[in-house]
């Protein structure tokens, strides 16, 4: 049990492959150090907590708050697998970092509340580390304020019981939290470069995250954004676990 694993929640193969490469590059790992598992097509294996020492969960066009009747069998199976991971990580059996879509699964599974009341526009957003975050082993290595990239339709309205708020902003008050000492969750995307994010935007241009005609304007803002801190979080996670 030496490798970390990227758990894919994206049905779009090209976007999933690019997201994996973004995580791997930011974490300074080779393909042996960060394996891949596609939750869209395969359930989380029964031995996941002993097979891998930690997991990172990326984004998805799915939403936790999608009406149950609208969810496909693949989405329901994927959410069940991520719920198992959240429970195991909260219990300290495996390290996990849930991002974007993943934070919604962790929040709901562990007794928090996910709401459509806290969407954020596609593009750069300011993030502030909380006082508790400054004393956290991972977030304490970051600048007190930094810029990150977001694109989401829902957010955490209430933390899970026992969770520690690590980062926040005005538009979406829960930007990151920790449960125990092995489960981390971020609303923002810590992995992509500006260029990789604009390429992902092109894939989801017509999915309602932004007006399609605004692609060039938003891309320019993304490419101009200073994004030094979010990948440092991923590197700290890889080093710690």
C-alpha atoms as a PDB file:
ATOM      1  CA  UNK A   1       0.000   0.000   0.000  1.00  0.00           C
ATOM      2  CA  UNK A   2       2.223   2.813  -1.265  1.00  0.00           C
ATOM      3  CA  UNK A   3       0.255   4.709  -3.893  1.00  0.00           C
ATOM      4  CA  UNK A   4      -2.317   7.440  -3.727  1.00  0.00           C
ATOM      5  CA  UNK A   5      -5.297   7.235  -6.079  1.00  0.00           C
ATOM      6  CA  UNK A   6      -7.242   9.714  -8.177  1.00  0.00           C
ATOM      7  CA  UNK A   7     -10.938   8.802  -8.143  1.00  0.00           C
ATOM      8  CA  UNK A   8     -12.653   9.945 -11.325  1.00  0.00           C
ATOM      9  CA  UNK A   9     -16.220  11.271 -11.136  1.00  0.00           C
ATOM     10  CA  UNK A  10     -16.339  12.743 -14.668  1.00  0.00           C
ATOM     11  CA  UNK A  11     -18.171  10.917 -17.480  1.00  0.00           C
ATOM     12  CA  UNK A  12     -16.244  12.921 -20.120  1.00  0.00           C
ATOM     13  CA  UNK A  13     -13.113  10.866 -20.801  1.00  0.00           C
ATOM     14  CA  UNK A  14     -11.014  13.764 -22.071  1.00  0.00           C
ATOM     15  CA  UNK A  15     -11.822  16.011 -19.123  1.00  0.00           C
ATOM     16  CA  UNK A  16     -11.166  13.145 -16.705  1.00  0.00           C
ATOM     17  CA  UNK A  17      -7.765  12.387 -18.228  1.00  0.00           C
ATOM     18  CA  UNK A  18      -6.776  16.049 -18.086  1.00  0.00           C
ATOM     19  CA  UNK A  19      -7.936  16.335 -14.472  1.00  0.00           C
ATOM     20  CA  UNK A  20      -5.842  13.314 -13.512  1.00  0.00           C
ATOM     21  CA  UNK A  21      -2.786  14.870 -15.135  1.00  0.00           C
ATOM     22  CA  UNK A  22      -3.435  18.133 -13.290  1.00  0.00           C
ATOM     23  CA  UNK A  23      -3.579  16.324  -9.933  1.00  0.00           C
ATOM     24  CA  UNK A  24      -0.501  14.239 -10.714  1.00  0.00           C
ATOM     25  CA  UNK A  25       1.534  17.245 -11.806  1.00  0.00           C
ATOM     26  CA  UNK A  26       0.521  19.401  -8.850  1.00  0.00           C
ATOM     27  CA  UNK A  27       1.350  16.582  -6.431  1.00  0.00           C
ATOM     28  CA  UNK A  28       4.737  15.927  -8.081  1.00  0.00           C
ATOM     29  CA  UNK A  29       3.899  12.251  -8.518  1.00  0.00           C
ATOM     30  CA  UNK A  30       4.462   9.844 -11.385  1.00  0.00           C
ATOM     31  CA  UNK A  31       1.816   7.411 -12.606  1.00  0.00           C
ATOM     32  CA  UNK A  32       2.952   4.780 -10.103  1.00  0.00           C
ATOM     33  CA  UNK A  33       2.599   7.265  -7.254  1.00  0.00           C
ATOM     34  CA  UNK A  34      -0.899   8.397  -8.248  1.00  0.00           C
ATOM     35  CA  UNK A  35      -3.039   5.614  -9.661  1.00  0.00           C
ATOM     36  CA  UNK A  36      -6.433   6.097 -11.358  1.00  0.00           C
ATOM     37  CA  UNK A  37      -9.825   4.551 -10.645  1.00  0.00           C
ATOM     38  CA  UNK A  38     -12.919   5.394 -12.692  1.00  0.00           C
ATOM     39  CA  UNK A  39     -15.942   5.548 -10.399  1.00  0.00           C
ATOM     40  CA  UNK A  40     -18.226   6.361 -13.317  1.00  0.00           C
ATOM     41  CA  UNK A  41     -17.852   2.774 -14.549  1.00  0.00           C
ATOM     42  CA  UNK A  42     -16.531   0.807 -11.554  1.00  0.00           C
ATOM     43  CA  UNK A  43     -17.522   0.822  -7.894  1.00  0.00           C
ATOM     44  CA  UNK A  44     -14.882   1.568  -5.276  1.00  0.00           C
ATOM     45  CA  UNK A  45     -13.119  -1.761  -4.608  1.00  0.00           C
ATOM     46  CA  UNK A  46     -13.836  -3.481  -1.311  1.00  0.00           C
ATOM     47  CA  UNK A  47     -10.191  -3.269  -0.247  1.00  0.00           C
ATOM     48  CA  UNK A  48      -9.786   0.456  -1.014  1.00  0.00           C
ATOM     49  CA  UNK A  49      -8.698   1.386   2.532  1.00  0.00           C
ATOM     50  CA  UNK A  50      -5.785  -1.041   2.395  1.00  0.00           C
ATOM     51  CA  UNK A  51      -5.069  -0.876  -1.335  1.00  0.00           C
ATOM     52  CA  UNK A  52      -4.267   2.867  -1.249  1.00  0.00           C
ATOM     53  CA  UNK A  53      -2.841   5.144   1.388  1.00  0.00           C
ATOM     54  CA  UNK A  54      -4.953   8.094   0.278  1.00  0.00           C
ATOM     55  CA  UNK A  55      -7.378   9.333  -2.362  1.00  0.00           C
ATOM     56  CA  UNK A  56      -8.119  12.579  -4.174  1.00  0.00           C
ATOM     57  CA  UNK A  57     -11.571  13.216  -5.612  1.00  0.00           C
ATOM     58  CA  UNK A  58     -12.072  15.708  -8.425  1.00  0.00           C
ATOM     59  CA  UNK A  59     -15.066  17.484  -9.901  1.00  0.00           C
ATOM     60  CA  UNK A  60     -18.047  16.331 -11.925  1.00  0.00           C
ATOM     61  CA  UNK A  61     -21.001  17.692 -13.886  1.00  0.00           C
ATOM     62  CA  UNK A  62     -23.160  15.814 -11.370  1.00  0.00           C
ATOM     63  CA  UNK A  63     -24.585  17.612  -8.327  1.00  0.00           C
ATOM     64  CA  UNK A  64     -25.424  16.152  -4.944  1.00  0.00           C
ATOM     65  CA  UNK A  65     -28.629  18.199  -4.918  1.00  0.00           C
ATOM     66  CA  UNK A  66     -29.849  16.887  -8.279  1.00  0.00           C
ATOM     67  CA  UNK A  67     -33.428  15.568  -7.848  1.00  0.00           C
ATOM     68  CA  UNK A  68     -33.225  11.844  -7.002  1.00  0.00           C
ATOM     69  CA  UNK A  69     -35.465  10.936  -9.940  1.00  0.00           C
ATOM     70  CA  UNK A  70     -33.042  12.619 -12.341  1.00  0.00           C
ATOM     71  CA  UNK A  71     -29.978  10.705 -11.168  1.00  0.00           C
ATOM     72  CA  UNK A  72     -28.741   7.916 -13.385  1.00  0.00           C
ATOM     73  CA  UNK A  73     -27.724   4.524 -12.045  1.00  0.00           C
ATOM     74  CA  UNK A  74     -24.095   5.537 -12.658  1.00  0.00           C
ATOM     75  CA  UNK A  75     -24.464   8.687 -10.561  1.00  0.00           C
ATOM     76  CA  UNK A  76     -26.151   6.830  -7.711  1.00  0.00           C
ATOM     77  CA  UNK A  77     -23.442   4.156  -7.699  1.00  0.00           C
ATOM     78  CA  UNK A  78     -20.702   6.786  -7.824  1.00  0.00           C
ATOM     79  CA  UNK A  79     -22.207   8.675  -4.890  1.00  0.00           C
ATOM     80  CA  UNK A  80     -22.462   5.461  -2.874  1.00  0.00           C
ATOM     81  CA  UNK A  81     -18.781   4.723  -3.500  1.00  0.00           C
ATOM     82  CA  UNK A  82     -17.726   8.221  -2.440  1.00  0.00           C
ATOM     83  CA  UNK A  83     -19.908   7.992   0.658  1.00  0.00           C
ATOM     84  CA  UNK A  84     -18.017   4.843   1.648  1.00  0.00           C
ATOM     85  CA  UNK A  85     -14.749   6.709   1.179  1.00  0.00           C
ATOM     86  CA  UNK A  86     -15.974   9.648   3.282  1.00  0.00           C
ATOM     87  CA  UNK A  87     -17.007   7.365   6.136  1.00  0.00           C
ATOM     88  CA  UNK A  88     -13.696   5.498   6.063  1.00  0.00           C
ATOM     89  CA  UNK A  89     -11.679   8.707   5.948  1.00  0.00           C
ATOM     90  CA  UNK A  90     -13.641  10.294   8.778  1.00  0.00           C
ATOM     91  CA  UNK A  91     -12.928   7.142  10.797  1.00  0.00           C
ATOM     92  CA  UNK A  92      -9.200   7.505  10.079  1.00  0.00           C
ATOM     93  CA  UNK A  93      -8.894   4.382   7.907  1.00  0.00           C
ATOM     94  CA  UNK A  94      -7.651   6.249   4.800  1.00  0.00           C
ATOM     95  CA  UNK A  95      -6.630   9.804   3.947  1.00  0.00           C
ATOM     96  CA  UNK A  96      -8.874  11.607   1.454  1.00  0.00           C
ATOM     97  CA  UNK A  97      -9.145  15.002  -0.190  1.00  0.00           C
ATOM     98  CA  UNK A  98     -12.571  15.729  -1.666  1.00  0.00           C
ATOM     99  CA  UNK A  99     -12.748  18.706  -4.063  1.00  0.00           C
ATOM    100  CA  UNK A 100     -15.643  20.558  -5.747  1.00  0.00           C
ATOM    101  CA  UNK A 101     -18.324  17.909  -6.399  1.00  0.00           C
ATOM    102  CA  UNK A 102     -16.572  15.696  -3.849  1.00  0.00           C
ATOM    103  CA  UNK A 103     -17.081  18.131  -0.969  1.00  0.00           C
ATOM    104  CA  UNK A 104     -20.839  17.819  -1.469  1.00  0.00           C
ATOM    105  CA  UNK A 105     -20.705  14.043  -1.094  1.00  0.00           C
ATOM    106  CA  UNK A 106     -18.554  14.277   2.039  1.00  0.00           C
ATOM    107  CA  UNK A 107     -20.769  16.963   3.553  1.00  0.00           C
ATOM    108  CA  UNK A 108     -24.017  15.071   2.988  1.00  0.00           C
ATOM    109  CA  UNK A 109     -22.590  11.702   4.063  1.00  0.00           C
ATOM    110  CA  UNK A 110     -21.222  13.038   7.338  1.00  0.00           C
ATOM    111  CA  UNK A 111     -24.375  14.900   8.389  1.00  0.00           C
ATOM    112  CA  UNK A 112     -23.854  18.399   6.977  1.00  0.00           C
ATOM    113  CA  UNK A 113     -26.112  20.274   4.568  1.00  0.00           C
ATOM    114  CA  UNK A 114     -25.583  20.897   0.854  1.00  0.00           C
ATOM    115  CA  UNK A 115     -27.534  23.726  -0.759  1.00  0.00           C
ATOM    116  CA  UNK A 116     -27.963  25.482  -4.092  1.00  0.00           C
ATOM    117  CA  UNK A 117     -27.757  28.761  -2.155  1.00  0.00           C
ATOM    118  CA  UNK A 118     -23.968  29.038  -2.533  1.00  0.00           C
ATOM    119  CA  UNK A 119     -22.981  28.730  -6.189  1.00  0.00           C
ATOM    120  CA  UNK A 120     -19.867  30.485  -7.477  1.00  0.00           C
ATOM    121  CA  UNK A 121     -19.159  31.788 -10.929  1.00  0.00           C
ATOM    122  CA  UNK A 122     -16.609  30.071 -13.116  1.00  0.00           C
ATOM    123  CA  UNK A 123     -13.214  31.674 -12.675  1.00  0.00           C
ATOM    124  CA  UNK A 124     -10.853  32.995 -10.013  1.00  0.00           C
ATOM    125  CA  UNK A 125     -12.141  33.712  -6.515  1.00  0.00           C
ATOM    126  CA  UNK A 126     -10.492  34.961  -3.299  1.00  0.00           C
ATOM    127  CA  UNK A 127     -10.081  32.460  -0.445  1.00  0.00           C
ATOM    128  CA  UNK A 128      -9.169  33.283   3.160  1.00  0.00           C
ATOM    129  CA  UNK A 129      -7.621  30.771   5.552  1.00  0.00           C
ATOM    130  CA  UNK A 130      -9.403  30.765   8.931  1.00  0.00           C
ATOM    131  CA  UNK A 131      -7.665  30.976  12.289  1.00  0.00           C
ATOM    132  CA  UNK A 132      -8.112  27.213  12.667  1.00  0.00           C
ATOM    133  CA  UNK A 133      -6.711  26.789   9.174  1.00  0.00           C
ATOM    134  CA  UNK A 134      -3.540  28.635  10.120  1.00  0.00           C
ATOM    135  CA  UNK A 135      -2.873  25.890  12.675  1.00  0.00           C
ATOM    136  CA  UNK A 136      -3.746  23.039  10.312  1.00  0.00           C
ATOM    137  CA  UNK A 137      -0.854  20.864   9.067  1.00  0.00           C
ATOM    138  CA  UNK A 138      -1.825  21.425   5.417  1.00  0.00           C
ATOM    139  CA  UNK A 139      -3.571  24.788   5.255  1.00  0.00           C
ATOM    140  CA  UNK A 140      -1.090  26.301   7.674  1.00  0.00           C
ATOM    141  CA  UNK A 141       1.525  26.070   4.925  1.00  0.00           C
ATOM    142  CA  UNK A 142      -0.480  28.391   2.623  1.00  0.00           C
ATOM    143  CA  UNK A 143      -0.708  32.162   2.450  1.00  0.00           C
ATOM    144  CA  UNK A 144      -3.463  33.632   4.643  1.00  0.00           C
ATOM    145  CA  UNK A 145      -5.273  34.825   1.506  1.00  0.00           C
ATOM    146  CA  UNK A 146      -4.953  33.404  -1.969  1.00  0.00           C
ATOM    147  CA  UNK A 147      -6.729  33.037  -5.298  1.00  0.00           C
ATOM    148  CA  UNK A 148      -8.305  29.758  -6.398  1.00  0.00           C
ATOM    149  CA  UNK A 149     -10.539  28.575  -9.229  1.00  0.00           C
ATOM    150  CA  UNK A 150     -14.188  27.638  -8.797  1.00  0.00           C
ATOM    151  CA  UNK A 151     -17.148  26.564 -10.912  1.00  0.00           C
ATOM    152  CA  UNK A 152     -20.052  25.037  -9.007  1.00  0.00           C
ATOM    153  CA  UNK A 153     -23.815  25.174  -8.627  1.00  0.00           C
ATOM    154  CA  UNK A 154     -24.076  24.093  -4.968  1.00  0.00           C
ATOM    155  CA  UNK A 155     -22.141  24.478  -1.733  1.00  0.00           C
ATOM    156  CA  UNK A 156     -21.976  23.500   1.919  1.00  0.00           C
ATOM    157  CA  UNK A 157     -24.647  25.302   3.936  1.00  0.00           C
ATOM    158  CA  UNK A 158     -23.832  23.573   7.248  1.00  0.00           C
ATOM    159  CA  UNK A 159     -20.644  21.755   8.222  1.00  0.00           C
ATOM    160  CA  UNK A 160     -20.787  18.113   9.260  1.00  0.00           C
ATOM    161  CA  UNK A 161     -20.717  17.678  13.063  1.00  0.00           C
ATOM    162  CA  UNK A 162     -17.153  17.955  14.339  1.00  0.00           C
ATOM    163  CA  UNK A 163     -15.777  19.456  11.119  1.00  0.00           C
ATOM    164  CA  UNK A 164     -13.215  22.261  11.385  1.00  0.00           C
ATOM    165  CA  UNK A 165     -13.624  25.180   8.971  1.00  0.00           C
ATOM    166  CA  UNK A 166     -10.257  25.836   7.304  1.00  0.00           C
ATOM    167  CA  UNK A 167     -11.011  28.369   4.551  1.00  0.00           C
ATOM    168  CA  UNK A 168     -13.856  30.681   3.577  1.00  0.00           C
ATOM    169  CA  UNK A 169     -15.012  33.564   1.404  1.00  0.00           C
ATOM    170  CA  UNK A 170     -18.086  35.759   1.106  1.00  0.00           C
ATOM    171  CA  UNK A 171     -19.746  34.027  -1.838  1.00  0.00           C
ATOM    172  CA  UNK A 172     -19.436  30.485  -0.509  1.00  0.00           C
ATOM    173  CA  UNK A 173     -18.617  30.565   3.222  1.00  0.00           C
ATOM    174  CA  UNK A 174     -17.372  26.966   3.378  1.00  0.00           C
ATOM    175  CA  UNK A 175     -14.345  26.765   1.086  1.00  0.00           C
ATOM    176  CA  UNK A 176     -12.557  24.010   2.989  1.00  0.00           C
ATOM    177  CA  UNK A 177     -12.856  21.897   6.115  1.00  0.00           C
ATOM    178  CA  UNK A 178     -11.299  18.934   7.890  1.00  0.00           C
ATOM    179  CA  UNK A 179     -12.913  16.040   9.728  1.00  0.00           C
ATOM    180  CA  UNK A 180     -10.604  14.192  12.087  1.00  0.00           C
ATOM    181  CA  UNK A 181      -7.039  14.327  10.839  1.00  0.00           C
ATOM    182  CA  UNK A 182      -7.365  12.450   7.528  1.00  0.00           C
ATOM    183  CA  UNK A 183     -10.378  13.879   5.691  1.00  0.00           C
ATOM    184  CA  UNK A 184     -10.012  17.186   3.869  1.00  0.00           C
ATOM    185  CA  UNK A 185     -12.573  18.819   1.590  1.00  0.00           C
ATOM    186  CA  UNK A 186     -12.321  21.913  -0.599  1.00  0.00           C
ATOM    187  CA  UNK A 187     -14.969  23.697  -2.624  1.00  0.00           C
ATOM    188  CA  UNK A 188     -12.340  25.239  -4.885  1.00  0.00           C
ATOM    189  CA  UNK A 189     -10.274  23.318  -7.428  1.00  0.00           C
ATOM    190  CA  UNK A 190      -6.687  22.996  -6.147  1.00  0.00           C
ATOM    191  CA  UNK A 191      -5.287  21.083  -9.118  1.00  0.00           C
ATOM    192  CA  UNK A 192      -5.544  22.935 -12.457  1.00  0.00           C
ATOM    193  CA  UNK A 193      -3.279  25.513 -13.967  1.00  0.00           C
ATOM    194  CA  UNK A 194      -5.056  28.410 -15.631  1.00  0.00           C
ATOM    195  CA  UNK A 195      -4.524  26.822 -19.048  1.00  0.00           C
ATOM    196  CA  UNK A 196      -5.902  23.451 -17.926  1.00  0.00           C
ATOM    197  CA  UNK A 197      -8.932  25.162 -16.414  1.00  0.00           C
ATOM    198  CA  UNK A 198      -9.747  27.001 -19.630  1.00  0.00           C
ATOM    199  CA  UNK A 199      -9.539  23.710 -21.530  1.00  0.00           C
ATOM    200  CA  UNK A 200     -11.974  22.199 -19.021  1.00  0.00           C
ATOM    201  CA  UNK A 201     -14.240  25.211 -19.492  1.00  0.00           C
ATOM    202  CA  UNK A 202     -14.400  24.418 -23.192  1.00  0.00           C
ATOM    203  CA  UNK A 203     -15.704  20.918 -22.416  1.00  0.00           C
ATOM    204  CA  UNK A 204     -18.484  22.266 -20.173  1.00  0.00           C
ATOM    205  CA  UNK A 205     -19.169  25.432 -22.153  1.00  0.00           C
ATOM    206  CA  UNK A 206     -22.858  24.579 -22.650  1.00  0.00           C
ATOM    207  CA  UNK A 207     -23.523  23.031 -19.226  1.00  0.00           C
ATOM    208  CA  UNK A 208     -24.792  26.142 -17.478  1.00  0.00           C
ATOM    209  CA  UNK A 209     -21.730  27.101 -15.436  1.00  0.00           C
ATOM    210  CA  UNK A 210     -21.312  30.321 -17.416  1.00  0.00           C
ATOM    211  CA  UNK A 211     -22.782  31.984 -20.478  1.00  0.00           C
ATOM    212  CA  UNK A 212     -21.131  30.426 -23.511  1.00  0.00           C
ATOM    213  CA  UNK A 213     -20.531  33.866 -25.020  1.00  0.00           C
ATOM    214  CA  UNK A 214     -18.452  34.800 -21.963  1.00  0.00           C
ATOM    215  CA  UNK A 215     -15.862  32.099 -22.586  1.00  0.00           C
ATOM    216  CA  UNK A 216     -13.149  34.436 -23.885  1.00  0.00           C
ATOM    217  CA  UNK A 217     -13.643  37.008 -21.121  1.00  0.00           C
ATOM    218  CA  UNK A 218     -13.582  34.418 -18.339  1.00  0.00           C
ATOM    219  CA  UNK A 219     -10.629  32.600 -19.888  1.00  0.00           C
ATOM    220  CA  UNK A 220      -8.614  35.820 -19.906  1.00  0.00           C
ATOM    221  CA  UNK A 221      -9.330  36.336 -16.201  1.00  0.00           C
ATOM    222  CA  UNK A 222      -8.371  32.732 -15.428  1.00  0.00           C
ATOM    223  CA  UNK A 223      -5.102  32.953 -17.343  1.00  0.00           C
ATOM    224  CA  UNK A 224      -4.190  36.189 -15.551  1.00  0.00           C
ATOM    225  CA  UNK A 225      -4.960  34.848 -12.054  1.00  0.00           C
ATOM    226  CA  UNK A 226      -2.122  34.101  -9.601  1.00  0.00           C
ATOM    227  CA  UNK A 227      -2.569  30.410  -8.722  1.00  0.00           C
ATOM    228  CA  UNK A 228       0.518  29.524  -6.697  1.00  0.00           C
ATOM    229  CA  UNK A 229      -1.153  28.400  -3.466  1.00  0.00           C
ATOM    230  CA  UNK A 230      -3.782  25.755  -4.411  1.00  0.00           C
ATOM    231  CA  UNK A 231      -1.266  23.267  -5.884  1.00  0.00           C
ATOM    232  CA  UNK A 232       0.873  23.695  -2.768  1.00  0.00           C
ATOM    233  CA  UNK A 233      -2.053  22.256  -0.820  1.00  0.00           C
ATOM    234  CA  UNK A 234      -1.997  19.138  -2.993  1.00  0.00           C
ATOM    235  CA  UNK A 235       1.737  18.763  -2.590  1.00  0.00           C
ATOM    236  CA  UNK A 236       1.334  19.056   1.190  1.00  0.00           C
ATOM    237  CA  UNK A 237      -1.366  16.365   1.101  1.00  0.00           C
ATOM    238  CA  UNK A 238       0.879  14.041  -0.904  1.00  0.00           C
ATOM    239  CA  UNK A 239       3.784  14.639   1.479  1.00  0.00           C
ATOM    240  CA  UNK A 240       1.655  14.146   4.595  1.00  0.00           C
ATOM    241  CA  UNK A 241      -0.012  10.936   3.464  1.00  0.00           C
END
